[in-house]
Protein backbone atom coordinates (compact mmCIF):
# COMPACT_ATOMS: atom_id res chain seq x y z
CA MET A 1 0.40 0.23 0.47
CA ALA A 2 1.12 3.56 -0.94
CA THR A 3 -0.08 7.19 -1.50
CA CYS A 4 -0.28 8.42 -4.77
CA ASP A 5 2.24 11.27 -5.38
CA VAL A 6 -0.63 13.27 -7.21
CA CYS A 7 -3.97 12.82 -5.59
CA GLY A 8 -2.91 11.63 -2.23
CA GLU A 9 -5.23 8.86 -2.51
CA TYR A 10 -3.95 5.49 -0.99
CA GLU A 11 -3.45 2.41 -3.48
CA ASN A 12 -3.39 -1.29 -2.59
CA LEU A 13 -1.80 -2.04 -5.81
CA PRO A 14 0.46 1.19 -6.65
CA TYR A 15 2.23 1.89 -9.88
CA GLN A 16 5.81 3.30 -9.82
CA CYS A 17 6.61 5.42 -12.97
CA LYS A 18 10.09 4.21 -14.38
CA ARG A 19 10.73 7.71 -15.99
CA CYS A 20 10.47 10.01 -12.49
CA GLY A 21 10.55 7.19 -9.99
CA GLN A 22 7.39 8.20 -8.30
CA THR A 23 4.30 6.32 -6.95
CA PHE A 24 0.85 6.91 -8.24
CA CYS A 25 -2.91 5.41 -8.40
CA SER A 26 -4.10 3.84 -11.59
CA GLU A 27 -5.70 7.13 -12.70
CA HIS A 28 -2.19 9.00 -12.75
CA ARG A 29 -0.01 6.01 -13.66
CA LEU A 30 0.70 7.25 -17.25
CA PRO A 31 3.28 9.90 -17.75
CA GLU A 32 1.03 12.39 -19.34
CA ASN A 33 -1.27 11.89 -16.15
CA HIS A 34 1.22 12.92 -13.72
CA ASP A 35 2.96 15.52 -15.78
CA CYS A 36 6.14 13.54 -15.49
CA PRO A 37 9.23 15.97 -15.80
CA GLY A 38 10.68 13.52 -18.74
CA VAL A 39 7.69 13.52 -20.97
CA GLY A 40 8.49 16.90 -23.34
CA GLU A 41 11.94 16.20 -23.54
CA TRP A 42 11.38 12.37 -25.08
CA SER A 43 12.87 12.23 -28.21
CA ASP A 44 13.24 7.80 -28.14
CA PRO A 45 16.87 8.09 -29.49
CA GLY A 46 17.61 4.51 -28.74
CA GLY A 47 14.05 3.06 -29.55
CA VAL A 48 13.49 1.92 -25.82
CA PHE A 49 9.51 2.61 -26.61
CA ASP A 50 9.72 -0.03 -29.55
CA SER A 51 7.29 -2.74 -29.29
CA GLY A 52 9.66 -5.13 -30.43
CA PHE A 53 7.35 -6.93 -32.82
CA ASP A 54 10.20 -6.96 -35.61
CA ASP A 55 12.79 -8.53 -32.99
CA GLY A 56 11.89 -12.17 -34.14
CA GLY A 57 10.63 -11.00 -37.41
CA GLY A 58 11.76 -14.34 -39.46
CA THR A 59 9.11 -15.98 -41.33
CA GLY A 60 11.23 -17.76 -43.76
CA GLY A 61 11.90 -20.94 -41.82
CA SER A 62 14.26 -21.85 -39.11
CA THR A 63 17.42 -20.33 -40.49
CA GLY A 64 15.46 -16.85 -40.32
CA GLY A 65 13.82 -17.51 -37.35
CA GLN A 66 17.49 -18.18 -35.63
CA ALA A 67 18.64 -14.74 -37.24
CA GLY A 68 15.59 -13.04 -35.73
CA GLY A 69 16.07 -14.43 -32.56
CA SER A 70 19.73 -13.18 -32.52
CA GLY A 71 18.82 -9.91 -33.89
CA GLY A 72 16.34 -9.50 -30.83
CA VAL A 73 18.78 -10.49 -28.34
CA VAL A 74 20.74 -7.68 -29.38
CA SER A 75 18.29 -5.15 -29.87
CA ARG A 76 16.99 -5.90 -26.31
CA VAL A 77 20.66 -5.42 -25.17
CA LYS A 78 21.04 -2.09 -27.01
CA ARG A 79 17.58 -1.00 -25.52
CA ARG A 80 18.74 -1.97 -21.99
CA PHE A 81 22.17 0.23 -22.63
CA ASN A 82 19.99 3.12 -23.36
CA ARG A 83 17.86 2.85 -20.36
CA ALA A 84 21.04 2.73 -18.37
CA THR A 85 22.70 5.53 -19.91
CA ASN A 86 20.33 7.76 -22.20
CA THR A 87 16.64 7.86 -20.68
CA GLY A 88 16.67 5.79 -17.34
CA GLY A 89 18.86 4.01 -15.01
CA LEU A 90 20.54 6.14 -12.23
CA VAL A 91 19.99 9.28 -13.70
CA SER A 92 15.99 8.52 -14.00
CA TYR A 93 16.01 8.50 -9.99
CA VAL A 94 17.40 12.09 -9.89
CA ARG A 95 15.29 13.15 -12.62
CA GLY A 96 12.09 14.18 -10.89
CA ASN A 97 13.80 13.85 -7.55
CA ALA A 98 15.95 16.69 -7.56
CA THR A 99 14.75 17.66 -4.04
CA TYR A 100 16.23 14.39 -2.58
CA ALA A 101 19.38 14.74 -4.47
CA ILE A 102 19.87 18.53 -3.32
CA LEU A 103 19.23 17.23 0.52
CA ALA A 104 21.68 14.27 0.30
CA ALA A 105 24.37 17.04 -1.12
CA MET A 106 23.73 19.31 1.88
CA TRP A 107 24.37 16.32 4.14
CA VAL A 108 27.74 15.09 2.21
CA THR A 109 28.48 19.25 2.27
CA PHE A 110 27.82 18.93 6.14
CA LEU A 111 30.10 15.68 6.64
CA ALA A 112 32.87 17.93 4.61
CA GLN A 113 32.58 20.83 6.85
CA LEU A 114 32.56 18.77 10.15
CA VAL A 115 36.12 17.36 8.90
CA VAL A 116 37.44 20.64 7.82
CA TYR A 117 36.37 22.89 10.62
CA HIS A 118 37.43 20.15 13.48
CA GLY A 119 40.26 18.85 11.79
CA VAL A 120 42.07 21.21 9.61
CA SER A 121 40.93 25.08 10.53
CA VAL A 122 38.38 27.10 10.95
CA SER A 123 39.77 29.79 8.38
CA LEU A 124 39.71 27.40 5.75
CA HIS A 125 36.35 26.21 6.43
CA ASN A 126 35.24 30.25 6.27
CA THR A 127 37.18 30.51 2.81
CA LEU A 128 35.51 27.24 1.54
CA PHE A 129 31.74 27.34 2.89
CA VAL A 130 30.86 30.77 4.39
CA LEU A 131 29.26 33.63 1.88
CA GLN A 132 31.73 36.49 3.96
CA SER A 133 30.67 40.17 3.13
CA ASP A 134 34.48 40.87 3.45
CA ALA A 135 35.40 37.98 0.86
CA LEU A 136 32.80 38.49 -1.75
CA GLY A 137 35.41 37.66 -4.30
CA ASN A 138 35.33 34.20 -3.27
CA VAL A 139 32.83 33.51 -5.71
CA TRP A 140 32.44 29.60 -5.04
CA THR A 141 30.70 30.58 -1.82
CA TRP A 142 27.76 31.72 -3.49
CA VAL A 143 26.66 28.44 -4.16
CA THR A 144 28.62 26.59 -1.32
CA SER A 145 27.15 28.54 1.33
CA VAL A 146 23.55 26.96 0.42
CA PHE A 147 24.61 23.60 0.98
CA ALA A 148 26.49 24.15 4.22
CA HIS A 149 25.13 24.76 7.53
CA SER A 150 26.55 25.32 10.93
CA PRO A 151 29.21 22.96 11.78
CA VAL A 152 28.91 23.35 15.54
CA GLY A 153 25.38 21.98 15.93
CA ILE A 154 23.14 19.64 13.97
CA TYR A 155 19.89 21.54 14.78
CA HIS A 156 20.74 23.82 11.73
CA ILE A 157 20.84 21.35 9.01
CA ILE A 158 18.10 19.33 10.82
CA GLY A 159 15.78 22.11 10.63
CA ASN A 160 16.32 22.94 6.84
CA SER A 161 16.29 19.51 5.75
CA VAL A 162 12.93 18.72 7.13
CA VAL A 163 11.25 21.92 5.26
CA LEU A 164 13.36 21.05 1.80
CA PHE A 165 12.14 17.17 2.58
CA PHE A 166 8.24 18.02 2.87
CA PHE A 167 7.78 20.88 0.63
CA GLY A 168 10.24 20.77 -1.57
CA PRO A 169 8.74 17.68 -3.68
CA LEU A 170 5.42 19.57 -3.95
CA VAL A 171 7.01 22.67 -5.70
CA GLU A 172 9.20 20.66 -7.68
CA ARG A 173 6.31 18.29 -9.05
CA ALA A 174 4.52 21.45 -10.16
CA VAL A 175 7.43 22.95 -12.11
CA GLY A 176 9.81 20.50 -12.75
CA SER A 177 13.25 19.27 -11.93
CA LYS A 178 15.04 21.99 -13.88
CA ARG A 179 13.16 25.00 -13.28
CA PHE A 180 12.78 24.02 -9.77
CA THR A 181 16.86 23.39 -9.20
CA ALA A 182 17.47 26.77 -10.71
CA PHE A 183 14.92 28.42 -8.36
CA PHE A 184 15.91 26.99 -5.27
CA PHE A 185 19.70 27.83 -5.95
CA GLY A 186 18.64 31.12 -7.09
CA ALA A 187 16.96 31.80 -4.32
CA GLY A 188 19.53 30.58 -2.05
CA ILE A 189 22.49 32.63 -3.34
CA ALA A 190 20.04 35.95 -3.82
CA ALA A 191 19.14 35.59 0.06
CA GLY A 192 22.89 35.30 1.10
CA LEU A 193 23.93 38.15 -1.15
CA GLY A 194 21.19 40.27 -0.01
CA HIS A 195 21.85 40.09 3.35
CA VAL A 196 25.84 40.42 3.27
CA LEU A 197 25.42 43.54 0.75
CA PHE A 198 23.09 44.81 3.07
CA ALA A 199 25.62 44.43 6.13
CA ILE A 200 28.21 46.27 3.83
CA ALA A 201 25.46 49.34 2.69
CA THR A 202 24.74 50.17 6.45
CA ASN A 203 28.47 49.75 7.67
CA ALA A 204 27.74 46.80 10.00
CA PRO A 205 30.94 44.65 11.02
CA PRO A 206 31.76 41.58 8.72
CA THR A 207 29.34 39.29 8.91
CA GLY A 208 28.85 35.73 7.15
CA VAL A 209 26.14 33.51 6.36
CA LEU A 210 25.55 29.95 5.61
CA GLY A 211 22.50 27.43 5.19
CA ALA A 212 19.49 26.79 2.99
CA SER A 213 17.28 28.72 4.80
CA GLY A 214 16.73 31.35 2.27
CA ALA A 215 16.02 28.95 0.01
CA GLY A 216 13.65 26.99 2.33
CA PHE A 217 11.63 30.11 3.08
CA ALA A 218 11.46 30.72 -0.86
CA LEU A 219 9.79 27.28 -0.90
CA LEU A 220 7.36 28.29 2.07
CA GLY A 221 6.36 31.47 -0.09
CA VAL A 222 5.57 29.36 -3.06
CA LEU A 223 3.32 27.38 -1.27
CA THR A 224 2.02 30.14 0.57
CA VAL A 225 0.71 31.48 -2.86
CA TRP A 226 -0.41 27.95 -4.18
CA ARG A 227 -1.87 26.73 -1.14
CA PRO A 228 -2.37 29.04 1.60
CA ASN A 229 -5.04 27.20 3.70
CA MET A 230 -2.60 24.03 3.80
CA GLN A 231 -2.46 22.46 7.23
CA VAL A 232 1.05 22.13 8.69
CA LEU A 233 1.82 21.12 12.01
CA LEU A 234 4.61 23.68 13.87
CA PHE A 235 6.91 21.89 15.69
CA PHE A 236 5.54 18.61 14.46
CA VAL A 237 2.52 19.21 17.12
CA ILE A 238 0.51 22.64 16.57
CA PRO A 239 -1.81 22.44 13.68
CA MET A 240 -1.96 25.89 11.53
CA LYS A 241 -2.48 27.13 8.05
CA ILE A 242 0.59 27.89 6.13
CA LYS A 243 -0.33 31.48 5.38
CA TYR A 244 -0.57 31.99 9.41
CA LEU A 245 2.80 30.52 9.72
CA THR A 246 4.88 31.94 7.01
CA TRP A 247 3.58 35.30 7.53
CA GLY A 248 3.95 35.56 11.02
CA ILE A 249 7.78 34.46 10.81
CA ALA A 250 7.94 37.39 8.01
CA ILE A 251 6.37 39.94 10.59
CA VAL A 252 8.81 38.76 13.37
CA SER A 253 11.70 38.79 10.92
CA ALA A 254 10.94 42.48 9.63
CA PHE A 255 10.77 43.51 13.09
CA LEU A 256 14.11 42.26 14.21
CA VAL A 257 15.58 43.28 10.89
CA VAL A 258 14.48 47.26 11.54
CA THR A 259 15.16 46.93 15.22
CA SER A 260 18.57 45.49 14.79
CA GLY A 261 19.53 47.50 11.78
CA THR A 262 21.99 45.03 10.80
CA GLY A 263 19.51 42.35 9.04
CA GLY A 264 20.84 39.60 11.53
CA VAL A 265 19.50 39.29 15.39
CA GLY A 266 21.41 36.41 17.54
CA GLY A 267 23.19 34.67 14.73
CA ILE A 268 20.20 34.31 12.46
CA ALA A 269 20.02 36.14 9.25
CA HIS A 270 16.50 37.38 9.26
CA LEU A 271 16.86 39.59 6.13
CA ALA A 272 17.74 36.48 4.07
CA HIS A 273 14.56 34.81 5.36
CA LEU A 274 12.82 37.85 4.23
CA ILE A 275 14.21 38.04 0.68
CA GLY A 276 13.83 34.40 0.30
CA PHE A 277 10.17 34.65 1.16
CA ALA A 278 9.74 37.56 -1.16
CA ILE A 279 11.29 35.43 -3.95
CA GLY A 280 8.98 32.71 -3.16
CA LEU A 281 5.51 34.82 -3.44
CA ALA A 282 6.65 36.40 -6.65
CA PHE A 283 7.62 33.09 -8.08
CA GLY A 284 4.11 31.42 -6.92
CA LYS A 285 2.44 34.18 -8.20
CA ARG A 286 4.03 33.53 -11.76
CA ASN A 287 3.55 30.25 -11.74
CA GLU A 288 0.00 29.63 -10.50
CA GLY A 289 -0.85 28.12 -13.72
CA LEU A 290 1.68 25.42 -13.17
CA ALA A 291 0.32 24.51 -9.80
CA ARG A 292 -2.93 24.19 -10.90
CA SER A 293 -2.12 22.04 -13.93
CA ALA A 294 0.04 19.61 -11.42
CA GLY A 295 -3.02 19.12 -9.02
CA GLY A 296 -5.94 19.62 -11.05
CA ALA A 297 -9.01 22.05 -10.31
CA GLY A 298 -7.53 22.08 -6.63
CA GLY A 299 -4.01 23.00 -7.42
CA VAL A 300 -0.83 21.46 -5.99
CA GLN A 301 -2.13 18.51 -3.68
CA MET A 302 -0.81 17.64 -0.31
CA GLY A 303 -2.67 14.32 0.11
CA ARG A 304 -2.61 13.45 3.44
CA MET A 305 0.98 14.38 4.23
CA ARG A 306 1.13 17.33 6.94
CA GLY A 307 4.69 19.17 7.24
CA PRO A 308 6.33 21.01 10.07
CA GLY A 309 6.87 24.64 10.03
CA GLY A 310 10.15 26.66 9.78
CA PRO A 311 13.68 25.90 10.12
CA GLY A 312 15.36 27.82 12.88
CA GLY A 313 17.86 27.28 15.81
CA PRO A 314 20.61 28.87 17.18
CA GLY A 315 23.92 29.71 15.35
CA GLY A 316 25.45 32.17 12.94
CA ARG A 317 23.27 31.53 9.77
CA PHE A 318 19.95 31.60 7.92
């Protein structure tokens, strides 16, 4: 028994799409019925969808039959090779599952951080992973800072992982893996740069940011537009509509930014949260049509899933 990734219905005999790897009921099992990300790009270069009716096409006696059988074996081998290298295999598990690939990369990066921070030097760690207001020329940190999290505790990465795990697939399913990946990193990079540039503009002391919270708040912003009444569980306990959660966090963050004058309070880059949230709202508004087509008349479907609300926790990060 499993839950359909489109409508949320429980299915005793679920179908798994070989293209995107997700699970569906009988109504949504066909690629065109669940808006499979690879359908629009499919060109069948290796004849993967070939019916195989001509594999054993010898109709002129035993010799023709043997030749056809041999050709059929070769054809089947070619098709399997094409699945593994061009349109399926390991690649197919990433296509349509960019959320989980990003999540895995975050944890691999976190392990690398622990090694460098605790085993080599803090300075090298900051050079590799932290977007710093006094080192904007380290352009790689524009990206690595989105993957990286506070190496002095685990709550930071857990909070962002929870948000990405529960809410990322909803957005990815609607807009496709490529657009989702570009949106996630674009929002994360813009949030980080916005925070450090604000610190520079206000002559604040040198600051640095790291973490996927900016991108996470962007996801929450998208769903605030698409499904404002979607119920989530704050701290896994308190039920509330997502619009109350996200706008409540935004108001508190805005108050803290204004009162602090630096965009960060207690080591948390609240301005980065606001930038990510604003980007998410704009992206959600611009792509409302995709959300409706992904989930039918009701828009993006949550099924029976309830997500926890909001990343957070102590540490110098966003």
